[in-house]
């Protein structure tokens, strides 16, 4: 029942996008905001490689957004 409510494609004008692409974009924006916040607070100095930390946040937040807003 719930799977029927999830669109198979999202239309943006003439371009059809899969819902996962929107999820990845939202995960990227959330990870960018989180890393900016960590930089402002000064907690990013505890990361060995901030780039890998950003990538890890991006994957984690994309997974969480996909899990809660686009359930399987």
Protein backbone atom coordinates (compact mmCIF):
# COMPACT_ATOMS: atom_id res chain seq x y z
CA UNK A 1 0.00 0.00 0.00
CA UNK A 2 2.70 2.47 0.97
CA UNK A 3 4.86 1.50 -2.01
CA UNK A 4 2.09 2.66 -4.32
CA UNK A 5 2.27 6.17 -2.82
CA UNK A 6 5.98 6.57 -3.63
CA UNK A 7 6.38 8.00 -7.13
CA UNK A 8 8.56 6.03 -9.51
CA UNK A 9 9.71 9.25 -11.18
CA UNK A 10 9.59 12.93 -10.32
CA UNK A 11 8.97 15.30 -13.20
CA UNK A 12 10.81 18.63 -13.33
CA UNK A 13 9.62 20.11 -16.58
CA UNK A 14 10.90 17.83 -19.35
CA UNK A 15 13.31 15.97 -17.08
CA UNK A 16 12.29 12.85 -15.16
CA UNK A 17 14.35 12.12 -12.05
CA UNK A 18 14.35 9.06 -9.83
CA UNK A 19 13.39 9.76 -6.19
CA UNK A 20 16.79 8.53 -5.04
CA UNK A 21 18.49 11.37 -6.92
CA UNK A 22 16.46 13.89 -4.94
CA UNK A 23 17.42 11.99 -1.77
CA UNK A 24 21.11 12.21 -2.68
CA UNK A 25 20.78 15.95 -3.32
CA UNK A 26 19.06 16.48 0.04
CA UNK A 27 21.72 14.37 1.75
CA UNK A 28 24.44 16.49 0.14
CA UNK A 29 22.83 19.72 1.29
CA UNK A 30 22.35 18.37 4.81
CA UNK A 31 25.97 17.16 4.96
CA UNK A 32 27.19 20.53 3.69
CA UNK A 33 25.19 22.33 6.38
CA UNK A 34 26.43 19.97 9.07
CA UNK A 35 30.07 20.38 8.09
CA UNK A 36 29.68 24.16 7.97
CA UNK A 37 28.23 24.01 11.48
CA UNK A 38 31.09 21.80 12.69
CA UNK A 39 33.60 24.20 11.14
CA UNK A 40 31.96 27.19 12.82
CA UNK A 41 31.93 25.50 16.21
CA UNK A 42 35.48 24.21 15.77
CA UNK A 43 34.77 20.49 16.06
CA UNK A 44 36.13 19.72 12.61
CA UNK A 45 39.68 19.97 13.94
CA UNK A 46 39.19 16.52 15.52
CA UNK A 47 38.79 14.89 12.09
CA UNK A 48 41.89 13.37 10.58
CA UNK A 49 40.65 14.13 7.06
CA UNK A 50 37.69 16.55 6.86
CA UNK A 51 36.98 15.46 3.27
CA UNK A 52 36.42 11.88 4.37
CA UNK A 53 34.26 13.15 7.21
CA UNK A 54 32.13 15.09 4.73
CA UNK A 55 31.77 12.00 2.54
CA UNK A 56 30.79 9.91 5.56
CA UNK A 57 28.19 12.48 6.61
CA UNK A 58 26.85 12.59 3.06
CA UNK A 59 26.40 8.82 2.89
CA UNK A 60 24.93 8.65 6.39
CA UNK A 61 22.45 11.49 5.88
CA UNK A 62 21.43 10.25 2.44
CA UNK A 63 20.74 6.83 3.93
CA UNK A 64 18.71 8.29 6.79
CA UNK A 65 16.67 10.55 4.50
CA UNK A 66 16.03 7.66 2.14
CA UNK A 67 15.05 5.39 5.01
CA UNK A 68 12.59 7.78 6.59
CA UNK A 69 11.11 9.55 3.54
CA UNK A 70 11.37 6.84 0.86
CA UNK A 71 10.89 3.56 2.72
CA UNK A 72 11.51 0.34 0.78
